[in-house]
Amino acid sequence: LGQGREVFAVPGNADAESSAGTLAMLKEGAKLAT
């Protein structure tokens, strides 16, 4: 983001610890990618 790159994130289960970071990125404006 500091370099001005586009960021995309894959959604995961809402209760999965391993997806907490990517779900947070989506809330912060990352574009959803399936």
Full PDB file with SEQRES, HELIX, SHEET, SSBOND, CRYST1, ORIGX, SCALE, CONECT and MASTER records, all heavy atoms in Angstrom:
SEQRES   1 A   34  LEU GLY GLN GLY ARG GLU VAL PHE ALA VAL PRO GLY ASN          
SEQRES   2 A   34  ALA ASP ALA GLU SER SER ALA GLY THR LEU ALA MET LEU          
SEQRES   3 A   34  LYS GLU GLY ALA LYS LEU ALA THR                              
HELIX    1 AA1 GLU A   17  SER A   19  5                                   3    
HELIX    2 AA2 ALA A   20  LYS A   27  1                                   8    
SHEET    1 AA1 2 PHE A   8  ALA A   9  0                                        
SHEET    2 AA1 2 LYS A  31  LEU A  32  1                                        
CRYST1    1.000    1.000    1.000  90.00  90.00  90.00 P 1           1          
ORIGX1      1.000000  0.000000  0.000000        0.00000                         
ORIGX2      0.000000  1.000000  0.000000        0.00000                         
ORIGX3      0.000000  0.000000  1.000000        0.00000                         
SCALE1      1.000000  0.000000  0.000000        0.00000                         
SCALE2      0.000000  1.000000  0.000000        0.00000                         
SCALE3      0.000000  0.000000  1.000000        0.00000                         
ATOM      1  N   LEU A   1       0.830  -1.202   0.000  1.00  0.00           N  
ATOM      2  CA  LEU A   1       0.000   0.000   0.000  1.00  0.00           C  
ATOM      3  C   LEU A   1       0.865   1.254   0.000  1.00  0.00           C  
ATOM      4  O   LEU A   1       0.558   2.245  -0.674  1.00  0.00           O  
ATOM      5  CB  LEU A   1      -0.929   0.005   1.215  1.00  0.00           C  
ATOM      6  CG  LEU A   1      -2.074  -1.010   1.177  1.00  0.00           C  
ATOM      7  CD1 LEU A   1      -2.781  -1.074   2.528  1.00  0.00           C  
ATOM      8  CD2 LEU A   1      -3.076  -0.646   0.074  1.00  0.00           C  
ATOM      9  N   GLY A   2       1.978   1.213   0.748  1.00  0.00           N  
ATOM     10  CA  GLY A   2       2.888   2.348   0.770  1.00  0.00           C  
ATOM     11  C   GLY A   2       3.519   2.613  -0.591  1.00  0.00           C  
ATOM     12  O   GLY A   2       3.907   3.745  -0.893  1.00  0.00           O  
ATOM     13  N   GLN A   3       3.616   1.583  -1.413  1.00  0.00           N  
ATOM     14  CA  GLN A   3       4.153   1.735  -2.766  1.00  0.00           C  
ATOM     15  C   GLN A   3       3.065   2.042  -3.789  1.00  0.00           C  
ATOM     16  O   GLN A   3       3.347   2.168  -4.983  1.00  0.00           O  
ATOM     17  CB  GLN A   3       4.901   0.463  -3.178  1.00  0.00           C  
ATOM     18  CG  GLN A   3       6.153   0.176  -2.370  1.00  0.00           C  
ATOM     19  CD  GLN A   3       6.873  -1.063  -2.871  1.00  0.00           C  
ATOM     20  OE1 GLN A   3       6.569  -1.598  -3.935  1.00  0.00           O  
ATOM     21  NE2 GLN A   3       7.852  -1.523  -2.110  1.00  0.00           N  
ATOM     22  N   GLY A   4       1.824   2.132  -3.337  1.00  0.00           N  
ATOM     23  CA  GLY A   4       0.728   2.452  -4.245  1.00  0.00           C  
ATOM     24  C   GLY A   4       0.207   1.277  -5.040  1.00  0.00           C  
ATOM     25  O   GLY A   4      -0.429   1.468  -6.090  1.00  0.00           O  
ATOM     26  N   ARG A   5       0.439   0.049  -4.564  1.00  0.00           N  
ATOM     27  CA  ARG A   5      -0.030  -1.131  -5.285  1.00  0.00           C  
ATOM     28  C   ARG A   5      -1.481  -1.452  -4.917  1.00  0.00           C  
ATOM     29  O   ARG A   5      -1.948  -1.155  -3.818  1.00  0.00           O  
ATOM     30  CB  ARG A   5       0.852  -2.344  -4.970  1.00  0.00           C  
ATOM     31  CG  ARG A   5       2.346  -2.182  -5.240  1.00  0.00           C  
ATOM     32  CD  ARG A   5       2.637  -1.663  -6.627  1.00  0.00           C  
ATOM     33  NE  ARG A   5       4.049  -1.752  -6.967  1.00  0.00           N  
ATOM     34  CZ  ARG A   5       4.776  -0.722  -7.370  1.00  0.00           C  
ATOM     35  NH1 ARG A   5       4.229   0.481  -7.478  1.00  0.00           N  
ATOM     36  NH2 ARG A   5       6.048  -0.880  -7.701  1.00  0.00           N  
ATOM     37  N   GLU A   6      -2.180  -2.093  -5.857  1.00  0.00           N  
ATOM     38  CA  GLU A   6      -3.547  -2.546  -5.603  1.00  0.00           C  
ATOM     39  C   GLU A   6      -3.496  -3.785  -4.712  1.00  0.00           C  
ATOM     40  O   GLU A   6      -2.622  -4.648  -4.879  1.00  0.00           O  
ATOM     41  CB  GLU A   6      -4.247  -2.899  -6.915  1.00  0.00           C  
ATOM     42  CG  GLU A   6      -4.465  -1.718  -7.849  1.00  0.00           C  
ATOM     43  CD  GLU A   6      -5.615  -0.836  -7.410  1.00  0.00           C  
ATOM     44  OE1 GLU A   6      -6.350  -1.222  -6.471  1.00  0.00           O  
ATOM     45  OE2 GLU A   6      -5.780   0.238  -8.000  1.00  0.00           O  
ATOM     46  N   VAL A   7      -4.437  -3.879  -3.788  1.00  0.00           N  
ATOM     47  CA  VAL A   7      -4.466  -5.016  -2.868  1.00  0.00           C  
ATOM     48  C   VAL A   7      -5.798  -5.739  -3.005  1.00  0.00           C  
ATOM     49  O   VAL A   7      -6.868  -5.116  -3.009  1.00  0.00           O  
ATOM     50  CB  VAL A   7      -4.258  -4.568  -1.409  1.00  0.00           C  
ATOM     51  CG1 VAL A   7      -4.440  -5.740  -0.450  1.00  0.00           C  
ATOM     52  CG2 VAL A   7      -2.868  -3.964  -1.244  1.00  0.00           C  
ATOM     53  N   PHE A   8      -5.719  -7.059  -3.112  1.00  0.00           N  
ATOM     54  CA  PHE A   8      -6.893  -7.929  -3.215  1.00  0.00           C  
ATOM     55  C   PHE A   8      -6.811  -8.970  -2.101  1.00  0.00           C  
ATOM     56  O   PHE A   8      -5.719  -9.322  -1.647  1.00  0.00           O  
ATOM     57  CB  PHE A   8      -6.915  -8.635  -4.575  1.00  0.00           C  
ATOM     58  CG  PHE A   8      -6.879  -7.699  -5.755  1.00  0.00           C  
ATOM     59  CD1 PHE A   8      -5.663  -7.167  -6.190  1.00  0.00           C  
ATOM     60  CD2 PHE A   8      -8.034  -7.355  -6.430  1.00  0.00           C  
ATOM     61  CE1 PHE A   8      -5.609  -6.306  -7.281  1.00  0.00           C  
ATOM     62  CE2 PHE A   8      -7.988  -6.483  -7.513  1.00  0.00           C  
ATOM     63  CZ  PHE A   8      -6.770  -5.959  -7.941  1.00  0.00           C  
ATOM     64  N   ALA A   9      -7.958  -9.452  -1.685  1.00  0.00           N  
ATOM     65  CA  ALA A   9      -7.976 -10.460  -0.625  1.00  0.00           C  
ATOM     66  C   ALA A   9      -9.063 -11.484  -0.905  1.00  0.00           C  
ATOM     67  O   ALA A   9     -10.117 -11.155  -1.465  1.00  0.00           O  
ATOM     68  CB  ALA A   9      -8.187  -9.815   0.742  1.00  0.00           C  
ATOM     69  N   VAL A  10      -8.787 -12.715  -0.510  1.00  0.00           N  
ATOM     70  CA  VAL A  10      -9.735 -13.824  -0.675  1.00  0.00           C  
ATOM     71  C   VAL A  10     -10.536 -13.954   0.613  1.00  0.00           C  
ATOM     72  O   VAL A  10      -9.954 -14.026   1.702  1.00  0.00           O  
ATOM     73  CB  VAL A  10      -8.981 -15.138  -0.970  1.00  0.00           C  
ATOM     74  CG1 VAL A  10      -9.953 -16.314  -1.040  1.00  0.00           C  
ATOM     75  CG2 VAL A  10      -8.196 -15.016  -2.271  1.00  0.00           C  
ATOM     76  N   PRO A  11     -11.857 -14.001   0.533  1.00  0.00           N  
ATOM     77  CA  PRO A  11     -12.652 -14.156   1.765  1.00  0.00           C  
ATOM     78  C   PRO A  11     -12.506 -15.554   2.342  1.00  0.00           C  
ATOM     79  O   PRO A  11     -12.276 -16.523   1.615  1.00  0.00           O  
ATOM     80  CB  PRO A  11     -14.082 -13.905   1.279  1.00  0.00           C  
ATOM     81  CG  PRO A  11     -14.052 -14.299  -0.170  1.00  0.00           C  
ATOM     82  CD  PRO A  11     -12.698 -13.925  -0.674  1.00  0.00           C  
ATOM     83  N   GLY A  12     -12.637 -15.655   3.660  1.00  0.00           N  
ATOM     84  CA  GLY A  12     -12.581 -16.947   4.339  1.00  0.00           C  
ATOM     85  C   GLY A  12     -13.700 -17.032   5.353  1.00  0.00           C  
ATOM     86  O   GLY A  12     -14.529 -16.116   5.476  1.00  0.00           O  
ATOM     87  N   ASN A  13     -13.733 -18.117   6.106  1.00  0.00           N  
ATOM     88  CA  ASN A  13     -14.763 -18.283   7.131  1.00  0.00           C  
ATOM     89  C   ASN A  13     -14.650 -17.192   8.190  1.00  0.00           C  
ATOM     90  O   ASN A  13     -13.546 -16.872   8.646  1.00  0.00           O  
ATOM     91  CB  ASN A  13     -14.633 -19.655   7.796  1.00  0.00           C  
ATOM     92  CG  ASN A  13     -15.033 -20.785   6.858  1.00  0.00           C  
ATOM     93  OD1 ASN A  13     -15.802 -20.584   5.927  1.00  0.00           O  
ATOM     94  ND2 ASN A  13     -14.494 -21.964   7.095  1.00  0.00           N  
ATOM     95  N   ALA A  14     -15.768 -16.660   8.590  1.00  0.00           N  
ATOM     96  CA  ALA A  14     -15.781 -15.555   9.551  1.00  0.00           C  
ATOM     97  C   ALA A  14     -15.197 -15.953  10.895  1.00  0.00           C  
ATOM     98  O   ALA A  14     -14.664 -15.100  11.619  1.00  0.00           O  
ATOM     99  CB  ALA A  14     -17.205 -15.027   9.727  1.00  0.00           C  
ATOM    100  N   ASP A  15     -15.295 -17.225  11.244  1.00  0.00           N  
ATOM    101  CA  ASP A  15     -14.793 -17.655  12.554  1.00  0.00           C  
ATOM    102  C   ASP A  15     -13.443 -18.354  12.462  1.00  0.00           C  
ATOM    103  O   ASP A  15     -12.991 -18.958  13.438  1.00  0.00           O  
ATOM    104  CB  ASP A  15     -15.803 -18.584  13.239  1.00  0.00           C  
ATOM    105  CG  ASP A  15     -16.063 -19.857  12.443  1.00  0.00           C  
ATOM    106  OD1 ASP A  15     -15.607 -19.933  11.272  1.00  0.00           O  
ATOM    107  OD2 ASP A  15     -16.718 -20.776  12.976  1.00  0.00           O  
ATOM    108  N   ALA A  16     -12.784 -18.274  11.314  1.00  0.00           N  
ATOM    109  CA  ALA A  16     -11.500 -18.944  11.136  1.00  0.00           C  
ATOM    110  C   ALA A  16     -10.362 -17.990  11.480  1.00  0.00           C  
ATOM    111  O   ALA A  16     -10.246 -16.913  10.889  1.00  0.00           O  
ATOM    112  CB  ALA A  16     -11.346 -19.443   9.707  1.00  0.00           C  
ATOM    113  N   GLU A  17      -9.551 -18.383  12.435  1.00  0.00           N  
ATOM    114  CA  GLU A  17      -8.422 -17.537  12.838  1.00  0.00           C  
ATOM    115  C   GLU A  17      -7.479 -17.279  11.668  1.00  0.00           C  
ATOM    116  O   GLU A  17      -6.928 -16.189  11.526  1.00  0.00           O  
ATOM    117  CB  GLU A  17      -7.660 -18.210  13.980  1.00  0.00           C  
ATOM    118  CG  GLU A  17      -6.485 -17.393  14.492  1.00  0.00           C  
ATOM    119  CD  GLU A  17      -5.735 -18.097  15.604  1.00  0.00           C  
ATOM    120  OE1 GLU A  17      -6.254 -19.105  16.121  1.00  0.00           O  
ATOM    121  OE2 GLU A  17      -4.617 -17.640  15.949  1.00  0.00           O  
ATOM    122  N   SER A  18      -7.335 -18.275  10.795  1.00  0.00           N  
ATOM    123  CA  SER A  18      -6.406 -18.134   9.677  1.00  0.00           C  
ATOM    124  C   SER A  18      -6.893 -17.153   8.621  1.00  0.00           C  
ATOM    125  O   SER A  18      -6.125 -16.764   7.735  1.00  0.00           O  
ATOM    126  CB  SER A  18      -6.163 -19.501   9.025  1.00  0.00           C  
ATOM    127  OG  SER A  18      -7.381 -20.053   8.540  1.00  0.00           O  
ATOM    128  N   SER A  19      -8.161 -16.747   8.698  1.00  0.00           N  
ATOM    129  CA  SER A  19      -8.708 -15.784   7.743  1.00  0.00           C  
ATOM    130  C   SER A  19      -8.956 -14.416   8.357  1.00  0.00           C  
ATOM    131  O   SER A  19      -9.425 -13.503   7.670  1.00  0.00           O  
ATOM    132  CB  SER A  19     -10.026 -16.309   7.143  1.00  0.00           C  
ATOM    133  OG  SER A  19      -9.788 -17.415   6.307  1.00  0.00           O  
ATOM    134  N   ALA A  20      -8.671 -14.250   9.643  1.00  0.00           N  
ATOM    135  CA  ALA A  20      -8.967 -12.979  10.313  1.00  0.00           C  
ATOM    136  C   ALA A  20      -8.253 -11.808   9.650  1.00  0.00           C  
ATOM    137  O   ALA A  20      -8.802 -10.710   9.525  1.00  0.00           O  
ATOM    138  CB  ALA A  20      -8.584 -13.071  11.790  1.00  0.00           C  
ATOM    139  N   GLY A  21      -7.024 -12.015   9.230  1.00  0.00           N  
ATOM    140  CA  GLY A  21      -6.269 -10.937   8.606  1.00  0.00           C  
ATOM    141  C   GLY A  21      -6.816 -10.542   7.252  1.00  0.00           C  
ATOM    142  O   GLY A  21      -6.949  -9.349   6.942  1.00  0.00           O  
ATOM    143  N   THR A  22      -7.143 -11.516   6.405  1.00  0.00           N  
ATOM    144  CA  THR A  22      -7.667 -11.193   5.081  1.00  0.00           C  
ATOM    145  C   THR A  22      -9.067 -10.582   5.177  1.00  0.00           C  
ATOM    146  O   THR A  22      -9.412  -9.689   4.397  1.00  0.00           O  
ATOM    147  CB  THR A  22      -7.681 -12.449   4.196  1.00  0.00           C  
ATOM    148  OG1 THR A  22      -8.120 -13.580   4.957  1.00  0.00           O  
ATOM    149  CG2 THR A  22      -6.291 -12.739   3.659  1.00  0.00           C  
ATOM    150  N   LEU A  23      -9.875 -11.037   6.134  1.00  0.00           N  
ATOM    151  CA  LEU A  23     -11.191 -10.417   6.321  1.00  0.00           C  
ATOM    152  C   LEU A  23     -11.045  -8.965   6.769  1.00  0.00           C  
ATOM    153  O   LEU A  23     -11.798  -8.080   6.329  1.00  0.00           O  
ATOM    154  CB  LEU A  23     -12.007 -11.218   7.340  1.00  0.00           C  
ATOM    155  CG  LEU A  23     -12.458 -12.605   6.880  1.00  0.00           C  
ATOM    156  CD1 LEU A  23     -13.099 -13.371   8.033  1.00  0.00           C  
ATOM    157  CD2 LEU A  23     -13.430 -12.490   5.704  1.00  0.00           C  
ATOM    158  N   ALA A  24     -10.065  -8.700   7.626  1.00  0.00           N  
ATOM    159  CA  ALA A  24      -9.810  -7.320   8.047  1.00  0.00           C  
ATOM    160  C   ALA A  24      -9.373  -6.465   6.859  1.00  0.00           C  
ATOM    161  O   ALA A  24      -9.772  -5.296   6.747  1.00  0.00           O  
ATOM    162  CB  ALA A  24      -8.745  -7.302   9.140  1.00  0.00           C  
ATOM    163  N   MET A  25      -8.567  -7.020   5.964  1.00  0.00           N  
ATOM    164  CA  MET A  25      -8.140  -6.273   4.775  1.00  0.00           C  
ATOM    165  C   MET A  25      -9.336  -5.889   3.911  1.00  0.00           C  
ATOM    166  O   MET A  25      -9.407  -4.780   3.377  1.00  0.00           O  
ATOM    167  CB  MET A  25      -7.162  -7.114   3.945  1.00  0.00           C  
ATOM    168  CG  MET A  25      -5.829  -7.378   4.612  1.00  0.00           C  
ATOM    169  SD  MET A  25      -4.837  -8.520   3.596  1.00  0.00           S  
ATOM    170  CE  MET A  25      -3.755  -9.219   4.849  1.00  0.00           C  
ATOM    171  N   LEU A  26     -10.289  -6.821   3.776  1.00  0.00           N  
ATOM    172  CA  LEU A  26     -11.491  -6.525   2.992  1.00  0.00           C  
ATOM    173  C   LEU A  26     -12.290  -5.394   3.626  1.00  0.00           C  
ATOM    174  O   LEU A  26     -12.803  -4.508   2.933  1.00  0.00           O  
ATOM    175  CB  LEU A  26     -12.348  -7.786   2.854  1.00  0.00           C  
ATOM    176  CG  LEU A  26     -11.760  -8.891   1.953  1.00  0.00           C  
ATOM    177  CD1 LEU A  26     -12.530 -10.197   2.124  1.00  0.00           C  
ATOM    178  CD2 LEU A  26     -11.794  -8.439   0.499  1.00  0.00           C  
ATOM    179  N   LYS A  27     -12.382  -5.388   4.942  1.00  0.00           N  
ATOM    180  CA  LYS A  27     -13.087  -4.301   5.632  1.00  0.00           C  
ATOM    181  C   LYS A  27     -12.374  -2.965   5.439  1.00  0.00           C  
ATOM    182  O   LYS A  27     -13.003  -1.903   5.431  1.00  0.00           O  
ATOM    183  CB  LYS A  27     -13.189  -4.615   7.129  1.00  0.00           C  
ATOM    184  CG  LYS A  27     -14.097  -5.794   7.471  1.00  0.00           C  
ATOM    185  CD  LYS A  27     -14.089  -6.048   8.978  1.00  0.00           C  
ATOM    186  CE  LYS A  27     -14.941  -7.236   9.345  1.00  0.00           C  
ATOM    187  NZ  LYS A  27     -14.911  -7.512  10.812  1.00  0.00           N  
ATOM    188  N   GLU A  28     -11.052  -3.037   5.301  1.00  0.00           N  
ATOM    189  CA  GLU A  28     -10.250  -1.814   5.180  1.00  0.00           C  
ATOM    190  C   GLU A  28     -10.137  -1.317   3.742  1.00  0.00           C  
ATOM    191  O   GLU A  28      -9.470  -0.313   3.485  1.00  0.00           O  
ATOM    192  CB  GLU A  28      -8.854  -2.073   5.754  1.00  0.00           C  
ATOM    193  CG  GLU A  28      -8.864  -2.324   7.258  1.00  0.00           C  
ATOM    194  CD  GLU A  28      -7.595  -3.012   7.743  1.00  0.00           C  
ATOM    195  OE1 GLU A  28      -6.678  -3.232   6.912  1.00  0.00           O  
ATOM    196  OE2 GLU A  28      -7.521  -3.334   8.951  1.00  0.00           O  
ATOM    197  N   GLY A  29     -10.758  -2.030   2.794  1.00  0.00           N  
ATOM    198  CA  GLY A  29     -10.767  -1.525   1.420  1.00  0.00           C  
ATOM    199  C   GLY A  29     -10.097  -2.393   0.384  1.00  0.00           C  
ATOM    200  O   GLY A  29     -10.082  -2.035  -0.807  1.00  0.00           O  
ATOM    201  N   ALA A  30      -9.534  -3.534   0.776  1.00  0.00           N  
ATOM    202  CA  ALA A  30      -8.980  -4.443  -0.226  1.00  0.00           C  
ATOM    203  C   ALA A  30     -10.114  -4.940  -1.122  1.00  0.00           C  
ATOM    204  O   ALA A  30     -11.255  -5.087  -0.689  1.00  0.00           O  
ATOM    205  CB  ALA A  30      -8.283  -5.618   0.447  1.00  0.00           C  
ATOM    206  N   LYS A  31      -9.798  -5.207  -2.375  1.00  0.00           N  
ATOM    207  CA  LYS A  31     -10.806  -5.673  -3.315  1.00  0.00           C  
ATOM    208  C   LYS A  31     -10.986  -7.178  -3.182  1.00  0.00           C  
ATOM    209  O   LYS A  31     -10.019  -7.917  -3.071  1.00  0.00           O  
ATOM    210  CB  LYS A  31     -10.399  -5.310  -4.741  1.00  0.00           C  
ATOM    211  CG  LYS A  31     -10.322  -3.796  -4.936  1.00  0.00           C  
ATOM    212  CD  LYS A  31      -9.866  -3.419  -6.330  1.00  0.00           C  
ATOM    213  CE  LYS A  31      -9.795  -1.903  -6.464  1.00  0.00           C  
ATOM    214  NZ  LYS A  31      -9.326  -1.482  -7.807  1.00  0.00           N  
ATOM    215  N   LEU A  32     -12.224  -7.619  -3.199  1.00  0.00           N  
ATOM    216  CA  LEU A  32     -12.537  -9.025  -3.006  1.00  0.00           C  
ATOM    217  C   LEU A  32     -12.158  -9.820  -4.244  1.00  0.00           C  
ATOM    218  O   LEU A  32     -12.423  -9.406  -5.383  1.00  0.00           O  
ATOM    219  CB  LEU A  32     -14.019  -9.189  -2.699  1.00  0.00           C  
ATOM    220  CG  LEU A  32     -14.493 -10.605  -2.359  1.00  0.00           C  
ATOM    221  CD1 LEU A  32     -15.593 -10.543  -1.296  1.00  0.00           C  
ATOM    222  CD2 LEU A  32     -15.022 -11.317  -3.598  1.00  0.00           C  
ATOM    223  N   ALA A  33     -11.552 -10.982  -4.038  1.00  0.00           N  
ATOM    224  CA  ALA A  33     -11.170 -11.854  -5.144  1.00  0.00           C  
ATOM    225  C   ALA A  33     -11.576 -13.279  -4.838  1.00  0.00           C  
ATOM    226  O   ALA A  33     -11.164 -13.843  -3.822  1.00  0.00           O  
ATOM    227  CB  ALA A  33      -9.670 -11.783  -5.380  1.00  0.00           C  
ATOM    228  N   THR A  34     -12.397 -13.847  -5.702  1.00  0.00           N  
ATOM    229  CA  THR A  34     -12.767 -15.258  -5.575  1.00  0.00           C  
ATOM    230  C   THR A  34     -12.296 -16.060  -6.785  1.00  0.00           C  
ATOM    231  O   THR A  34     -12.448 -17.274  -6.806  1.00  0.00           O  
ATOM    232  CB  THR A  34     -14.293 -15.418  -5.426  1.00  0.00           C  
ATOM    233  OG1 THR A  34     -14.939 -14.834  -6.561  1.00  0.00           O  
ATOM    234  CG2 THR A  34     -14.785 -14.738  -4.154  1.00  0.00           C  
TER     235      THR A  34                                                      
MASTER        0    0    0    2    2    0    0    6  234    1    0    3          
END                                                                             
